[in-house]
Amino acid sequence: MFLLTVPTFAHSGSVGVTDIQKTMKGYSSPSKSPYQILYMGATMSTKKITITYTNKKIGTIKKQKVTNPLGETRVIFTFVPKQAGTTTTSIKIGSKTYKTQITILKYKNPIVSITINGKKISGSKFNKTDVIKLNYNTYKGKKNKITYQIKNGWSGNLAACDKNDSTLYGAITADISSEIFTLQNGKENFNLKFSLRDANGVENKVVIAFKSFDLSFNFYFRLIIILFIVDRDSNFCYLRSSLILFVVDCGSTFIIFSQD
């Protein structure tokens, strides 16, 4: 579930109100991340909803029912891009149909470089993906200084968010020439998101996700030796377990490494 900041309907006499955008533009996500999702609109109608597309390959609509503190319930519509192209969506609510023409542009890298605590990250790392990962443990418990350079024709800002794209307020502070961020929300749940607009005002997002790269016995590639057997006649050695990881050819001797 991805949480979005959306407009608030008026409380008085708002039952049945529907507001759906007529045209939208966005960028595709080569990593299939949630950050390129487009907010389409919402309805407070309780009538039957039917969704159709002229080209479903471009993306799909997700519905999310939310209830505000006043007890008002509405359905939020978001568009999840799959690839570049155009499509027209139709959201039929009761007897009324709302059409939206959506254009999804092919992903472009807007980053020249990013520097964190004096270490430069080349913008080329974003050439084929809109999300890169850094080690959470390297930056935890510190005030981390970040500066960045974006390509000509782009503008925007930097924000901190969790894995559901909800803003983490207070995680970033700014000085004259750079910004300072502190990791919040624990491992696997802190991201820096660059929301950048091209010369035509179309928003593109690139993200730094802080993950835990733990190569210990208890996390990723633990090698557990359960049984070691040597066949002297054939010089065949293997480590027995339930899942084979890889095989090493040592001349006439083969060693099979496996994981339980």
C-alpha atoms as a PDB file:
ATOM      1  CA  MET A   1       0.000   0.000   0.000  1.00  0.00           C
ATOM      2  CA  PHE A   2       1.363   3.397  -0.978  1.00  0.00           C
ATOM      3  CA  LEU A   3       0.231   6.503   0.825  1.00  0.00           C
ATOM      4  CA  LEU A   4      -0.233   9.708  -1.149  1.00  0.00           C
ATOM      5  CA  THR A   5      -0.913  13.311  -0.253  1.00  0.00           C
ATOM      6  CA  VAL A   6      -4.210  14.161  -1.926  1.00  0.00           C
ATOM      7  CA  PRO A   7      -6.614  17.116  -1.990  1.00  0.00           C
ATOM      8  CA  THR A   8      -9.295  17.269   0.692  1.00  0.00           C
ATOM      9  CA  PHE A   9     -12.953  17.465  -0.270  1.00  0.00           C
ATOM     10  CA  ALA A  10     -15.185  19.957   1.494  1.00  0.00           C
ATOM     11  CA  HIS A  11     -17.011  18.414   4.427  1.00  0.00           C
ATOM     12  CA  SER A  12     -20.412  19.969   3.919  1.00  0.00           C
ATOM     13  CA  GLY A  13     -22.501  18.535   1.086  1.00  0.00           C
ATOM     14  CA  SER A  14     -19.536  16.573  -0.324  1.00  0.00           C
ATOM     15  CA  VAL A  15     -21.230  13.172  -0.566  1.00  0.00           C
ATOM     16  CA  GLY A  16     -20.884  11.857  -4.114  1.00  0.00           C
ATOM     17  CA  VAL A  17     -18.229  14.415  -5.145  1.00  0.00           C
ATOM     18  CA  THR A  18     -15.821  13.142  -7.824  1.00  0.00           C
ATOM     19  CA  ASP A  19     -12.695  14.864  -9.101  1.00  0.00           C
ATOM     20  CA  ILE A  20     -10.682  13.064 -11.808  1.00  0.00           C
ATOM     21  CA  GLN A  21      -7.909  14.703 -13.846  1.00  0.00           C
ATOM     22  CA  LYS A  22      -8.451  14.865 -17.615  1.00  0.00           C
ATOM     23  CA  THR A  23      -4.818  14.796 -18.785  1.00  0.00           C
ATOM     24  CA  MET A  24      -1.636  13.571 -17.121  1.00  0.00           C
ATOM     25  CA  LYS A  25       2.032  13.093 -17.946  1.00  0.00           C
ATOM     26  CA  GLY A  26       4.727  11.176 -16.142  1.00  0.00           C
ATOM     27  CA  TYR A  27       7.839   9.046 -16.534  1.00  0.00           C
ATOM     28  CA  SER A  28       8.254   5.292 -16.610  1.00  0.00           C
ATOM     29  CA  SER A  29      10.232   3.501 -13.898  1.00  0.00           C
ATOM     30  CA  PRO A  30      12.960   1.114 -15.125  1.00  0.00           C
ATOM     31  CA  SER A  31      13.122  -0.403 -11.631  1.00  0.00           C
ATOM     32  CA  LYS A  32       9.321  -0.686 -11.315  1.00  0.00           C
ATOM     33  CA  SER A  33       9.506   1.469  -8.186  1.00  0.00           C
ATOM     34  CA  PRO A  34       6.381   2.986  -6.564  1.00  0.00           C
ATOM     35  CA  TYR A  35       7.718   6.533  -6.825  1.00  0.00           C
ATOM     36  CA  GLN A  36       6.552   7.267 -10.392  1.00  0.00           C
ATOM     37  CA  ILE A  37       2.903   6.605  -9.505  1.00  0.00           C
ATOM     38  CA  LEU A  38       0.552   9.394 -10.629  1.00  0.00           C
ATOM     39  CA  TYR A  39      -2.350  10.698  -8.548  1.00  0.00           C
ATOM     40  CA  MET A  40      -5.472  10.790 -10.740  1.00  0.00           C
ATOM     41  CA  GLY A  41      -8.200  11.894  -8.379  1.00  0.00           C
ATOM     42  CA  ALA A  42     -10.823  10.597  -5.980  1.00  0.00           C
ATOM     43  CA  THR A  43     -14.518  10.075  -5.448  1.00  0.00           C
ATOM     44  CA  MET A  44     -16.810   9.989  -2.452  1.00  0.00           C
ATOM     45  CA  SER A  45     -19.502   8.229  -4.447  1.00  0.00           C
ATOM     46  CA  THR A  46     -20.612   4.812  -3.263  1.00  0.00           C
ATOM     47  CA  LYS A  47     -21.793   3.788  -6.723  1.00  0.00           C
ATOM     48  CA  LYS A  48     -20.290   0.933  -8.738  1.00  0.00           C
ATOM     49  CA  ILE A  49     -16.861   1.673 -10.286  1.00  0.00           C
ATOM     50  CA  THR A  50     -15.742   0.199 -13.627  1.00  0.00           C
ATOM     51  CA  ILE A  51     -12.288   0.886 -15.163  1.00  0.00           C
ATOM     52  CA  THR A  52     -11.244   0.380 -18.797  1.00  0.00           C
ATOM     53  CA  TYR A  53      -8.189   1.307 -20.910  1.00  0.00           C
ATOM     54  CA  THR A  54      -7.368   1.879 -24.551  1.00  0.00           C
ATOM     55  CA  ASN A  55      -3.873   0.473 -23.920  1.00  0.00           C
ATOM     56  CA  LYS A  56      -3.370  -1.415 -20.674  1.00  0.00           C
ATOM     57  CA  LYS A  57       0.289  -2.107 -21.493  1.00  0.00           C
ATOM     58  CA  ILE A  58       1.138   1.498 -20.576  1.00  0.00           C
ATOM     59  CA  GLY A  59      -0.054   1.125 -16.996  1.00  0.00           C
ATOM     60  CA  THR A  60      -2.932   0.329 -14.699  1.00  0.00           C
ATOM     61  CA  ILE A  61      -5.148   2.132 -12.220  1.00  0.00           C
ATOM     62  CA  LYS A  62      -5.155   1.238  -8.539  1.00  0.00           C
ATOM     63  CA  LYS A  63      -8.053   2.004  -6.204  1.00  0.00           C
ATOM     64  CA  GLN A  64      -7.552   2.690  -2.514  1.00  0.00           C
ATOM     65  CA  LYS A  65     -10.391   3.317  -0.058  1.00  0.00           C
ATOM     66  CA  VAL A  66      -9.519   5.711   2.783  1.00  0.00           C
ATOM     67  CA  THR A  67     -11.492   7.243   5.648  1.00  0.00           C
ATOM     68  CA  ASN A  68     -10.583  10.637   7.122  1.00  0.00           C
ATOM     69  CA  PRO A  69     -10.880  11.668  10.804  1.00  0.00           C
ATOM     70  CA  LEU A  70     -14.379  13.043  10.094  1.00  0.00           C
ATOM     71  CA  GLY A  71     -15.519   9.566   9.094  1.00  0.00           C
ATOM     72  CA  GLU A  72     -15.812  10.420   5.387  1.00  0.00           C
ATOM     73  CA  THR A  73     -14.783   7.615   3.047  1.00  0.00           C
ATOM     74  CA  ARG A  74     -13.501   8.097  -0.481  1.00  0.00           C
ATOM     75  CA  VAL A  75     -11.807   6.061  -3.175  1.00  0.00           C
ATOM     76  CA  ILE A  76      -8.442   7.338  -4.421  1.00  0.00           C
ATOM     77  CA  PHE A  77      -7.308   6.519  -7.969  1.00  0.00           C
ATOM     78  CA  THR A  78      -3.628   6.291  -8.904  1.00  0.00           C
ATOM     79  CA  PHE A  79      -1.972   5.324 -12.183  1.00  0.00           C
ATOM     80  CA  VAL A  80       0.969   2.909 -12.070  1.00  0.00           C
ATOM     81  CA  PRO A  81       3.156   3.280 -15.214  1.00  0.00           C
ATOM     82  CA  LYS A  82       4.527   0.154 -16.866  1.00  0.00           C
ATOM     83  CA  GLN A  83       6.174   1.535 -20.007  1.00  0.00           C
ATOM     84  CA  ALA A  84       6.369   4.618 -22.213  1.00  0.00           C
ATOM     85  CA  GLY A  85       3.404   5.392 -24.446  1.00  0.00           C
ATOM     86  CA  THR A  86      -0.110   6.830 -24.334  1.00  0.00           C
ATOM     87  CA  THR A  87      -3.408   5.483 -23.119  1.00  0.00           C
ATOM     88  CA  THR A  88      -6.857   6.784 -22.310  1.00  0.00           C
ATOM     89  CA  THR A  89      -8.455   5.497 -19.154  1.00  0.00           C
ATOM     90  CA  SER A  90     -12.179   5.487 -18.419  1.00  0.00           C
ATOM     91  CA  ILE A  91     -13.424   5.426 -14.844  1.00  0.00           C
ATOM     92  CA  LYS A  92     -17.164   4.812 -14.817  1.00  0.00           C
ATOM     93  CA  ILE A  93     -18.831   5.691 -11.524  1.00  0.00           C
ATOM     94  CA  GLY A  94     -22.484   4.800 -11.609  1.00  0.00           C
ATOM     95  CA  SER A  95     -23.735   6.072 -14.960  1.00  0.00           C
ATOM     96  CA  LYS A  96     -21.076   8.778 -15.434  1.00  0.00           C
ATOM     97  CA  THR A  97     -17.707   8.173 -17.134  1.00  0.00           C
ATOM     98  CA  TYR A  98     -14.512  10.156 -16.491  1.00  0.00           C
ATOM     99  CA  LYS A  99     -11.838   9.903 -19.198  1.00  0.00           C
ATOM    100  CA  THR A 100      -8.141  10.685 -18.659  1.00  0.00           C
ATOM    101  CA  GLN A 101      -5.531  10.903 -21.407  1.00  0.00           C
ATOM    102  CA  ILE A 102      -2.220   9.719 -19.968  1.00  0.00           C
ATOM    103  CA  THR A 103       1.216  10.078 -21.560  1.00  0.00           C
ATOM    104  CA  ILE A 104       4.127   8.179 -20.035  1.00  0.00           C
ATOM    105  CA  LEU A 105       7.579   9.273 -21.177  1.00  0.00           C
ATOM    106  CA  LYS A 106      10.601   7.018 -21.349  1.00  0.00           C
ATOM    107  CA  TYR A 107      12.765   7.356 -18.247  1.00  0.00           C
ATOM    108  CA  LYS A 108      15.554   9.964 -18.401  1.00  0.00           C
ATOM    109  CA  ASN A 109      18.417  10.397 -15.963  1.00  0.00           C
ATOM    110  CA  PRO A 110      18.312  13.954 -14.534  1.00  0.00           C
ATOM    111  CA  ILE A 111      21.315  13.563 -12.185  1.00  0.00           C
ATOM    112  CA  VAL A 112      24.877  14.784 -12.885  1.00  0.00           C
ATOM    113  CA  SER A 113      26.334  13.803  -9.516  1.00  0.00           C
ATOM    114  CA  ILE A 114      25.542  13.382  -5.821  1.00  0.00           C
ATOM    115  CA  THR A 115      28.054  13.839  -3.001  1.00  0.00           C
ATOM    116  CA  ILE A 116      27.442  12.458   0.492  1.00  0.00           C
ATOM    117  CA  ASN A 117      29.950  13.172   3.259  1.00  0.00           C
ATOM    118  CA  GLY A 118      32.566  14.060   0.664  1.00  0.00           C
ATOM    119  CA  LYS A 119      32.126  10.860  -1.355  1.00  0.00           C
ATOM    120  CA  LYS A 120      30.982  11.484  -4.925  1.00  0.00           C
ATOM    121  CA  ILE A 121      28.393   9.268  -6.590  1.00  0.00           C
ATOM    122  CA  SER A 122      28.454   9.505 -10.368  1.00  0.00           C
ATOM    123  CA  GLY A 123      25.159  10.390 -12.004  1.00  0.00           C
ATOM    124  CA  SER A 124      25.767   7.564 -14.468  1.00  0.00           C
ATOM    125  CA  LYS A 125      24.519   5.174 -11.788  1.00  0.00           C
ATOM    126  CA  PHE A 126      21.044   6.488 -12.611  1.00  0.00           C
ATOM    127  CA  ASN A 127      21.344   5.885 -16.355  1.00  0.00           C
ATOM    128  CA  LYS A 128      19.416   2.604 -16.279  1.00  0.00           C
ATOM    129  CA  THR A 129      17.573   2.790 -12.962  1.00  0.00           C
ATOM    130  CA  ASP A 130      15.670   5.353 -10.937  1.00  0.00           C
ATOM    131  CA  VAL A 131      16.634   3.728  -7.609  1.00  0.00           C
ATOM    132  CA  ILE A 132      20.121   3.072  -6.254  1.00  0.00           C
ATOM    133  CA  LYS A 133      20.954   1.471  -2.903  1.00  0.00           C
ATOM    134  CA  LEU A 134      23.443   2.543  -0.233  1.00  0.00           C
ATOM    135  CA  ASN A 135      24.422   0.778   2.976  1.00  0.00           C
ATOM    136  CA  TYR A 136      22.232   1.903   5.872  1.00  0.00           C
ATOM    137  CA  ASN A 137      24.911   1.070   8.449  1.00  0.00           C
ATOM    138  CA  THR A 138      27.398   3.462   6.838  1.00  0.00           C
ATOM    139  CA  TYR A 139      25.170   6.489   7.475  1.00  0.00           C
ATOM    140  CA  LYS A 140      23.201   5.644  10.618  1.00  0.00           C
ATOM    141  CA  GLY A 141      23.729   7.755  13.732  1.00  0.00           C
ATOM    142  CA  LYS A 142      25.310  10.624  11.761  1.00  0.00           C
ATOM    143  CA  LYS A 143      24.447  14.021  10.397  1.00  0.00           C
ATOM    144  CA  ASN A 144      25.143  13.334   6.737  1.00  0.00           C
ATOM    145  CA  LYS A 145      25.940  16.186   4.365  1.00  0.00           C
ATOM    146  CA  ILE A 146      24.565  15.864   0.840  1.00  0.00           C
ATOM    147  CA  THR A 147      25.042  18.067  -2.213  1.00  0.00           C
ATOM    148  CA  TYR A 148      23.859  17.296  -5.723  1.00  0.00           C
ATOM    149  CA  GLN A 149      23.975  18.600  -9.264  1.00  0.00           C
ATOM    150  CA  ILE A 150      21.147  18.080 -11.735  1.00  0.00           C
ATOM    151  CA  LYS A 151      21.210  18.406 -15.510  1.00  0.00           C
ATOM    152  CA  ASN A 152      20.293  21.586 -17.351  1.00  0.00           C
ATOM    153  CA  GLY A 153      16.572  22.027 -17.852  1.00  0.00           C
ATOM    154  CA  TRP A 154      15.613  20.212 -14.664  1.00  0.00           C
ATOM    155  CA  SER A 155      14.442  21.681 -11.349  1.00  0.00           C
ATOM    156  CA  GLY A 156      12.989  20.321  -8.140  1.00  0.00           C
ATOM    157  CA  ASN A 157      13.735  19.348  -4.576  1.00  0.00           C
ATOM    158  CA  LEU A 158      14.951  16.655  -2.230  1.00  0.00           C
ATOM    159  CA  ALA A 159      12.822  14.990   0.451  1.00  0.00           C
ATOM    160  CA  ALA A 160      13.041  12.030   2.812  1.00  0.00           C
ATOM    161  CA  CYS A 161      10.376   9.332   2.674  1.00  0.00           C
ATOM    162  CA  ASP A 162       9.711   5.810   3.862  1.00  0.00           C
ATOM    163  CA  LYS A 163       9.237   2.749   1.655  1.00  0.00           C
ATOM    164  CA  ASN A 164       5.553   3.655   1.216  1.00  0.00           C
ATOM    165  CA  ASP A 165       6.526   7.105  -0.134  1.00  0.00           C
ATOM    166  CA  SER A 166       5.231   8.881   2.979  1.00  0.00           C
ATOM    167  CA  THR A 167       7.272  12.008   3.797  1.00  0.00           C
ATOM    168  CA  LEU A 168       9.550  11.854   6.864  1.00  0.00           C
ATOM    169  CA  TYR A 169       9.390  15.392   8.187  1.00  0.00           C
ATOM    170  CA  GLY A 170      12.462  16.687  10.004  1.00  0.00           C
ATOM    171  CA  ALA A 171      14.827  14.154   8.457  1.00  0.00           C
ATOM    172  CA  ILE A 172      16.423  16.826   6.228  1.00  0.00           C
ATOM    173  CA  THR A 173      17.669  20.281   7.191  1.00  0.00           C
ATOM    174  CA  ALA A 174      19.259  22.826   4.850  1.00  0.00           C
ATOM    175  CA  ASP A 175      22.152  25.245   5.143  1.00  0.00           C
ATOM    176  CA  ILE A 176      23.499  27.723   2.590  1.00  0.00           C
ATOM    177  CA  SER A 177      25.275  25.285   0.276  1.00  0.00           C
ATOM    178  CA  SER A 178      24.031  21.802   1.135  1.00  0.00           C
ATOM    179  CA  GLU A 179      21.492  19.727   3.031  1.00  0.00           C
ATOM    180  CA  ILE A 180      21.903  17.533   6.094  1.00  0.00           C
ATOM    181  CA  PHE A 181      19.978  14.301   6.580  1.00  0.00           C
ATOM    182  CA  THR A 182      19.722  11.854   9.447  1.00  0.00           C
ATOM    183  CA  LEU A 183      18.434   8.332   8.979  1.00  0.00           C
ATOM    184  CA  GLN A 184      15.034   7.697  10.526  1.00  0.00           C
ATOM    185  CA  ASN A 185      12.482   4.886  10.640  1.00  0.00           C
ATOM    186  CA  GLY A 186      14.942   1.999  10.915  1.00  0.00           C
ATOM    187  CA  LYS A 187      16.585  -0.276   8.374  1.00  0.00           C
ATOM    188  CA  GLU A 188      14.932  -0.851   4.998  1.00  0.00           C
ATOM    189  CA  ASN A 189      12.580   2.090   5.553  1.00  0.00           C
ATOM    190  CA  PHE A 190      14.456   5.313   4.752  1.00  0.00           C
ATOM    191  CA  ASN A 191      14.848   6.851   1.289  1.00  0.00           C
ATOM    192  CA  LEU A 192      15.998  10.128  -0.207  1.00  0.00           C
ATOM    193  CA  LYS A 193      13.734  11.128  -3.095  1.00  0.00           C
ATOM    194  CA  PHE A 194      14.623  13.692  -5.756  1.00  0.00           C
ATOM    195  CA  SER A 195      11.395  15.068  -7.267  1.00  0.00           C
ATOM    196  CA  LEU A 196      12.554  16.796 -10.450  1.00  0.00           C
ATOM    197  CA  ARG A 197      10.632  18.437 -13.280  1.00  0.00           C
ATOM    198  CA  ASP A 198      11.834  18.662 -16.863  1.00  0.00           C
ATOM    199  CA  ALA A 199      11.601  21.808 -19.024  1.00  0.00           C
ATOM    200  CA  ASN A 200       7.954  20.968 -19.783  1.00  0.00           C
ATOM    201  CA  GLY A 201       7.030  20.530 -16.136  1.00  0.00           C
ATOM    202  CA  VAL A 202       6.737  16.738 -16.208  1.00  0.00           C
ATOM    203  CA  GLU A 203       7.876  15.239 -12.909  1.00  0.00           C
ATOM    204  CA  ASN A 204      10.464  12.489 -12.722  1.00  0.00           C
ATOM    205  CA  LYS A 205      11.704  10.927  -9.488  1.00  0.00           C
ATOM    206  CA  VAL A 206      14.985   9.255  -8.588  1.00  0.00           C
ATOM    207  CA  VAL A 207      15.625   7.657  -5.225  1.00  0.00           C
ATOM    208  CA  ILE A 208      18.478   6.633  -2.939  1.00  0.00           C
ATOM    209  CA  ALA A 209      17.312   3.714  -0.788  1.00  0.00           C
ATOM    210  CA  PHE A 210      19.287   2.938   2.369  1.00  0.00           C
ATOM    211  CA  LYS A 211      19.428  -0.804   2.840  1.00  0.00           C
ATOM    212  CA  SER A 212      21.187  -3.180   5.197  1.00  0.00           C
ATOM    213  CA  PHE A 213      23.920  -5.078   3.374  1.00  0.00           C
ATOM    214  CA  ASP A 214      24.602  -7.738   5.988  1.00  0.00           C
ATOM    215  CA  LEU A 215      26.751 -10.570   4.674  1.00  0.00           C
ATOM    216  CA  SER A 216      26.860 -12.364   8.016  1.00  0.00           C
ATOM    217  CA  PHE A 217      26.021 -15.998   8.589  1.00  0.00           C
ATOM    218  CA  ASN A 218      22.489 -15.090   9.592  1.00  0.00           C
ATOM    219  CA  PHE A 219      21.458 -13.088   6.549  1.00  0.00           C
ATOM    220  CA  TYR A 220      22.300 -13.692   2.896  1.00  0.00           C
ATOM    221  CA  PHE A 221      24.667 -16.378   1.709  1.00  0.00           C
ATOM    222  CA  ARG A 222      25.314 -18.583   4.706  1.00  0.00           C
ATOM    223  CA  LEU A 223      27.240 -21.726   3.912  1.00  0.00           C
ATOM    224  CA  ILE A 224      26.144 -24.489   6.259  1.00  0.00           C
ATOM    225  CA  ILE A 225      28.154 -27.692   6.103  1.00  0.00           C
ATOM    226  CA  ILE A 226      25.913 -30.567   7.088  1.00  0.00           C
ATOM    227  CA  LEU A 227      27.808 -33.482   5.700  1.00  0.00           C
ATOM    228  CA  PHE A 228      31.181 -33.748   4.040  1.00  0.00           C
ATOM    229  CA  ILE A 229      31.927 -36.913   2.108  1.00  0.00           C
ATOM    230  CA  VAL A 230      35.077 -37.763   0.219  1.00  0.00           C
ATOM    231  CA  ASP A 231      34.943 -40.335  -2.536  1.00  0.00           C
ATOM    232  CA  ARG A 232      38.598 -41.233  -2.876  1.00  0.00           C
ATOM    233  CA  ASP A 233      38.124 -43.268  -6.059  1.00  0.00           C
ATOM    234  CA  SER A 234      36.624 -40.427  -8.083  1.00  0.00           C
ATOM    235  CA  ASN A 235      38.153 -37.495  -6.157  1.00  0.00           C
ATOM    236  CA  PHE A 236      34.633 -36.102  -5.757  1.00  0.00           C
ATOM    237  CA  CYS A 237      33.995 -33.901  -2.742  1.00  0.00           C
ATOM    238  CA  TYR A 238      30.702 -32.313  -1.863  1.00  0.00           C
ATOM    239  CA  LEU A 239      29.030 -30.431   0.923  1.00  0.00           C
ATOM    240  CA  ARG A 240      25.539 -31.793   1.390  1.00  0.00           C
ATOM    241  CA  SER A 241      22.595 -29.525   2.084  1.00  0.00           C
ATOM    242  CA  SER A 242      19.080 -28.797   0.868  1.00  0.00           C
ATOM    243  CA  LEU A 243      19.953 -26.021  -1.607  1.00  0.00           C
ATOM    244  CA  ILE A 244      23.004 -26.026  -3.902  1.00  0.00           C
ATOM    245  CA  LEU A 245      24.588 -22.587  -4.291  1.00  0.00           C
ATOM    246  CA  PHE A 246      27.483 -23.173  -6.653  1.00  0.00           C
ATOM    247  CA  VAL A 247      30.042 -25.690  -7.892  1.00  0.00           C
ATOM    248  CA  VAL A 248      33.800 -25.197  -8.015  1.00  0.00           C
ATOM    249  CA  ASP A 249      35.843 -27.253 -10.469  1.00  0.00           C
ATOM    250  CA  CYS A 250      39.251 -27.927  -8.862  1.00  0.00           C
ATOM    251  CA  GLY A 251      40.969 -29.854 -11.605  1.00  0.00           C
ATOM    252  CA  SER A 252      39.722 -33.407 -11.271  1.00  0.00           C
ATOM    253  CA  THR A 253      38.033 -32.591  -7.966  1.00  0.00           C
ATOM    254  CA  PHE A 254      34.600 -30.993  -7.775  1.00  0.00           C
ATOM    255  CA  ILE A 255      33.404 -29.187  -4.677  1.00  0.00           C
ATOM    256  CA  ILE A 256      29.734 -28.395  -4.309  1.00  0.00           C
ATOM    257  CA  PHE A 257      28.854 -25.595  -1.888  1.00  0.00           C
ATOM    258  CA  SER A 258      25.317 -25.551  -0.605  1.00  0.00           C
ATOM    259  CA  GLN A 259      23.020 -23.769   1.790  1.00  0.00           C
ATOM    260  CA  ASP A 260      20.504 -25.220   4.197  1.00  0.00           C
END
